[in-house]
Amino acid sequence: MYWAKKILEWTSGPEEALEISIYLNDKYELDGRDPSGYVGCMWSICGVHDQ
């Protein structure tokens, strides 16, 4: 999710970036409103599941 990482660069903080990326993911992606879509956004911005 390269686009979600770019949103993090363009916003003032991770909370705002996560809010925008979830909105865009729900609106335009095929996995919108699916748990994997939320995990993808959290992985891109917050580093969830990184080791």
PDB file of N, CA and C in Angstrom:
ATOM      1  N   MET A   1       0.828  -1.181   0.000  1.00  0.00           N
ATOM      2  CA  MET A   1       0.000   0.000   0.000  1.00  0.00           C
ATOM      3  C   MET A   1       0.875   1.247   0.000  1.00  0.00           C
ATOM      4  N   TYR A   2       1.489   1.452  -1.121  1.00  0.00           N
ATOM      5  CA  TYR A   2       2.366   2.610  -1.290  1.00  0.00           C
ATOM      6  C   TYR A   2       1.608   3.912  -1.076  1.00  0.00           C
ATOM      7  N   TRP A   3       0.376   3.972  -1.544  1.00  0.00           N
ATOM      8  CA  TRP A   3      -0.395   5.207  -1.437  1.00  0.00           C
ATOM      9  C   TRP A   3      -0.663   5.574   0.019  1.00  0.00           C
ATOM     10  N   ALA A   4      -0.865   4.597   0.888  1.00  0.00           N
ATOM     11  CA  ALA A   4      -1.104   4.892   2.306  1.00  0.00           C
ATOM     12  C   ALA A   4       0.159   5.444   2.965  1.00  0.00           C
ATOM     13  N   LYS A   5       1.316   4.950   2.564  1.00  0.00           N
ATOM     14  CA  LYS A   5       2.571   5.485   3.106  1.00  0.00           C
ATOM     15  C   LYS A   5       2.790   6.918   2.650  1.00  0.00           C
ATOM     16  N   LYS A   6       2.365   7.258   1.439  1.00  0.00           N
ATOM     17  CA  LYS A   6       2.487   8.635   0.955  1.00  0.00           C
ATOM     18  C   LYS A   6       1.538   9.560   1.710  1.00  0.00           C
ATOM     19  N   ILE A   7       0.351   9.073   2.055  1.00  0.00           N
ATOM     20  CA  ILE A   7      -0.583   9.890   2.840  1.00  0.00           C
ATOM     21  C   ILE A   7       0.044  10.242   4.179  1.00  0.00           C
ATOM     22  N   LEU A   8       0.773   9.312   4.766  1.00  0.00           N
ATOM     23  CA  LEU A   8       1.465   9.585   6.028  1.00  0.00           C
ATOM     24  C   LEU A   8       2.459  10.724   5.869  1.00  0.00           C
ATOM     25  N   GLU A   9       3.130  10.801   4.735  1.00  0.00           N
ATOM     26  CA  GLU A   9       4.074  11.901   4.485  1.00  0.00           C
ATOM     27  C   GLU A   9       3.361  13.236   4.315  1.00  0.00           C
ATOM     28  N   TRP A  10       2.149  13.220   3.791  1.00  0.00           N
ATOM     29  CA  TRP A  10       1.440  14.456   3.445  1.00  0.00           C
ATOM     30  C   TRP A  10       0.586  15.013   4.569  1.00  0.00           C
ATOM     31  N   THR A  11       0.378  14.256   5.646  1.00  0.00           N
ATOM     32  CA  THR A  11      -0.481  14.713   6.737  1.00  0.00           C
ATOM     33  C   THR A  11       0.356  15.087   7.951  1.00  0.00           C
ATOM     34  N   SER A  12      -0.329  15.677   8.927  1.00  0.00           N
ATOM     35  CA  SER A  12       0.377  16.168  10.111  1.00  0.00           C
ATOM     36  C   SER A  12       0.695  15.071  11.122  1.00  0.00           C
ATOM     37  N   GLY A  13       0.025  13.932  11.037  1.00  0.00           N
ATOM     38  CA  GLY A  13       0.299  12.863  11.990  1.00  0.00           C
ATOM     39  C   GLY A  13      -0.319  11.549  11.559  1.00  0.00           C
ATOM     40  N   PRO A  14       0.035  10.461  12.244  1.00  0.00           N
ATOM     41  CA  PRO A  14      -0.469   9.144  11.850  1.00  0.00           C
ATOM     42  C   PRO A  14      -1.973   8.970  12.052  1.00  0.00           C
ATOM     43  N   GLU A  15      -2.553   9.657  13.034  1.00  0.00           N
ATOM     44  CA  GLU A  15      -3.992   9.530  13.256  1.00  0.00           C
ATOM     45  C   GLU A  15      -4.773  10.042  12.051  1.00  0.00           C
ATOM     46  N   GLU A  16      -4.377  11.209  11.563  1.00  0.00           N
ATOM     47  CA  GLU A  16      -5.040  11.791  10.393  1.00  0.00           C
ATOM     48  C   GLU A  16      -4.799  10.933   9.149  1.00  0.00           C
ATOM     49  N   ALA A  17      -3.583  10.437   8.985  1.00  0.00           N
ATOM     50  CA  ALA A  17      -3.255   9.601   7.833  1.00  0.00           C
ATOM     51  C   ALA A  17      -4.069   8.308   7.846  1.00  0.00           C
ATOM     52  N   LEU A  18      -4.230   7.709   9.016  1.00  0.00           N
ATOM     53  CA  LEU A  18      -5.004   6.475   9.120  1.00  0.00           C
ATOM     54  C   LEU A  18      -6.474   6.726   8.801  1.00  0.00           C
ATOM     55  N   GLU A  19      -7.002   7.823   9.295  1.00  0.00           N
ATOM     56  CA  GLU A  19      -8.399   8.171   9.021  1.00  0.00           C
ATOM     57  C   GLU A  19      -8.639   8.350   7.517  1.00  0.00           C
ATOM     58  N   ILE A  20      -7.754   9.067   6.859  1.00  0.00           N
ATOM     59  CA  ILE A  20      -7.891   9.306   5.420  1.00  0.00           C
ATOM     60  C   ILE A  20      -7.707   8.015   4.633  1.00  0.00           C
ATOM     61  N   SER A  21      -6.715   7.215   5.008  1.00  0.00           N
ATOM     62  CA  SER A  21      -6.457   5.985   4.250  1.00  0.00           C
ATOM     63  C   SER A  21      -7.597   4.979   4.401  1.00  0.00           C
ATOM     64  N   ILE A  22      -8.198   4.883   5.575  1.00  0.00           N
ATOM     65  CA  ILE A  22      -9.342   3.983   5.750  1.00  0.00           C
ATOM     66  C   ILE A  22     -10.524   4.471   4.919  1.00  0.00           C
ATOM     67  N   TYR A  23     -10.751   5.783   4.908  1.00  0.00           N
ATOM     68  CA  TYR A  23     -11.835   6.337   4.089  1.00  0.00           C
ATOM     69  C   TYR A  23     -11.622   6.008   2.612  1.00  0.00           C
ATOM     70  N   LEU A  24     -10.418   6.261   2.108  1.00  0.00           N
ATOM     71  CA  LEU A  24     -10.134   5.998   0.698  1.00  0.00           C
ATOM     72  C   LEU A  24     -10.184   4.505   0.382  1.00  0.00           C
ATOM     73  N   ASN A  25      -9.691   3.682   1.296  1.00  0.00           N
ATOM     74  CA  ASN A  25      -9.728   2.232   1.090  1.00  0.00           C
ATOM     75  C   ASN A  25     -11.175   1.738   1.025  1.00  0.00           C
ATOM     76  N   ASP A  26     -12.022   2.228   1.922  1.00  0.00           N
ATOM     77  CA  ASP A  26     -13.425   1.806   1.920  1.00  0.00           C
ATOM     78  C   ASP A  26     -14.150   2.267   0.660  1.00  0.00           C
ATOM     79  N   LYS A  27     -13.776   3.417   0.146  1.00  0.00           N
ATOM     80  CA  LYS A  27     -14.482   3.973  -1.011  1.00  0.00           C
ATOM     81  C   LYS A  27     -14.028   3.378  -2.344  1.00  0.00           C
ATOM     82  N   TYR A  28     -12.729   3.159  -2.517  1.00  0.00           N
ATOM     83  CA  TYR A  28     -12.210   2.817  -3.843  1.00  0.00           C
ATOM     84  C   TYR A  28     -11.644   1.408  -3.996  1.00  0.00           C
ATOM     85  N   GLU A  29     -11.291   0.735  -2.934  1.00  0.00           N
ATOM     86  CA  GLU A  29     -10.650  -0.577  -3.058  1.00  0.00           C
ATOM     87  C   GLU A  29     -11.677  -1.708  -3.029  1.00  0.00           C
ATOM     88  N   LEU A  30     -11.312  -2.828  -3.611  1.00  0.00           N
ATOM     89  CA  LEU A  30     -12.202  -3.985  -3.643  1.00  0.00           C
ATOM     90  C   LEU A  30     -12.395  -4.602  -2.267  1.00  0.00           C
ATOM     91  N   ASP A  31     -11.405  -4.457  -1.381  1.00  0.00           N
ATOM     92  CA  ASP A  31     -11.520  -5.033  -0.042  1.00  0.00           C
ATOM     93  C   ASP A  31     -12.020  -4.001   0.973  1.00  0.00           C
ATOM     94  N   GLY A  32     -12.682  -2.967   0.514  1.00  0.00           N
ATOM     95  CA  GLY A  32     -13.201  -1.946   1.420  1.00  0.00           C
ATOM     96  C   GLY A  32     -14.164  -2.541   2.431  1.00  0.00           C
ATOM     97  N   ARG A  33     -14.080  -2.087   3.650  1.00  0.00           N
ATOM     98  CA  ARG A  33     -14.893  -2.542   4.783  1.00  0.00           C
ATOM     99  C   ARG A  33     -14.655  -4.014   5.126  1.00  0.00           C
ATOM    100  N   ASP A  34     -13.548  -4.539   4.685  1.00  0.00           N
ATOM    101  CA  ASP A  34     -13.158  -5.904   5.003  1.00  0.00           C
ATOM    102  C   ASP A  34     -12.027  -5.831   6.032  1.00  0.00           C
ATOM    103  N   PRO A  35     -11.943  -6.772   6.967  1.00  0.00           N
ATOM    104  CA  PRO A  35     -10.866  -6.711   7.962  1.00  0.00           C
ATOM    105  C   PRO A  35      -9.469  -6.627   7.354  1.00  0.00           C
ATOM    106  N   SER A  36      -9.251  -7.282   6.221  1.00  0.00           N
ATOM    107  CA  SER A  36      -7.921  -7.225   5.613  1.00  0.00           C
ATOM    108  C   SER A  36      -7.595  -5.827   5.101  1.00  0.00           C
ATOM    109  N   GLY A  37      -8.600  -5.057   4.716  1.00  0.00           N
ATOM    110  CA  GLY A  37      -8.371  -3.675   4.302  1.00  0.00           C
ATOM    111  C   GLY A  37      -7.912  -2.810   5.460  1.00  0.00           C
ATOM    112  N   TYR A  38      -8.524  -3.008   6.624  1.00  0.00           N
ATOM    113  CA  TYR A  38      -8.111  -2.258   7.811  1.00  0.00           C
ATOM    114  C   TYR A  38      -6.704  -2.650   8.248  1.00  0.00           C
ATOM    115  N   VAL A  39      -6.402  -3.936   8.191  1.00  0.00           N
ATOM    116  CA  VAL A  39      -5.062  -4.397   8.568  1.00  0.00           C
ATOM    117  C   VAL A  39      -4.020  -3.846   7.602  1.00  0.00           C
ATOM    118  N   GLY A  40      -4.349  -3.767   6.326  1.00  0.00           N
ATOM    119  CA  GLY A  40      -3.427  -3.195   5.352  1.00  0.00           C
ATOM    120  C   GLY A  40      -3.115  -1.739   5.644  1.00  0.00           C
ATOM    121  N   CYS A  41      -4.131  -0.977   6.003  1.00  0.00           N
ATOM    122  CA  CYS A  41      -3.911   0.430   6.369  1.00  0.00           C
ATOM    123  C   CYS A  41      -3.077   0.534   7.640  1.00  0.00           C
ATOM    124  N   MET A  42      -3.387  -0.288   8.628  1.00  0.00           N
ATOM    125  CA  MET A  42      -2.625  -0.257   9.879  1.00  0.00           C
ATOM    126  C   MET A  42      -1.178  -0.685   9.643  1.00  0.00           C
ATOM    127  N   TRP A  43      -0.956  -1.655   8.769  1.00  0.00           N
ATOM    128  CA  TRP A  43       0.403  -2.094   8.461  1.00  0.00           C
ATOM    129  C   TRP A  43       1.190  -0.975   7.786  1.00  0.00           C
ATOM    130  N   SER A  44       0.565  -0.290   6.842  1.00  0.00           N
ATOM    131  CA  SER A  44       1.263   0.753   6.095  1.00  0.00           C
ATOM    132  C   SER A  44       1.632   1.943   6.964  1.00  0.00           C
ATOM    133  N   ILE A  45       0.744   2.328   7.856  1.00  0.00           N
ATOM    134  CA  ILE A  45       0.944   3.562   8.617  1.00  0.00           C
ATOM    135  C   ILE A  45       1.528   3.294  10.000  1.00  0.00           C
ATOM    136  N   CYS A  46       1.020   2.278  10.678  1.00  0.00           N
ATOM    137  CA  CYS A  46       1.415   2.055  12.075  1.00  0.00           C
ATOM    138  C   CYS A  46       2.447   0.952  12.250  1.00  0.00           C
ATOM    139  N   GLY A  47       2.699   0.170  11.213  1.00  0.00           N
ATOM    140  CA  GLY A  47       3.680  -0.900  11.329  1.00  0.00           C
ATOM    141  C   GLY A  47       3.166  -2.134  12.036  1.00  0.00           C
ATOM    142  N   VAL A  48       1.863  -2.374  11.985  1.00  0.00           N
ATOM    143  CA  VAL A  48       1.283  -3.557  12.615  1.00  0.00           C
ATOM    144  C   VAL A  48       1.858  -4.803  11.945  1.00  0.00           C
ATOM    145  N   HIS A  49       2.198  -5.786  12.723  1.00  0.00           N
ATOM    146  CA  HIS A  49       2.743  -7.076  12.278  1.00  0.00           C
ATOM    147  C   HIS A  49       4.171  -6.985  11.734  1.00  0.00           C
ATOM    148  N   ASP A  50       4.840  -5.864  11.884  1.00  0.00           N
ATOM    149  CA  ASP A  50       6.253  -5.794  11.502  1.00  0.00           C
ATOM    150  C   ASP A  50       7.093  -6.437  12.597  1.00  0.00           C
ATOM    151  N   GLN A  51       8.170  -7.074  12.189  1.00  0.00           N
ATOM    152  CA  GLN A  51       9.029  -7.711  13.189  1.00  0.00           C
ATOM    153  C   GLN A  51      10.369  -7.045  13.260  1.00  0.00           C
TER     154      GLN A  51
END
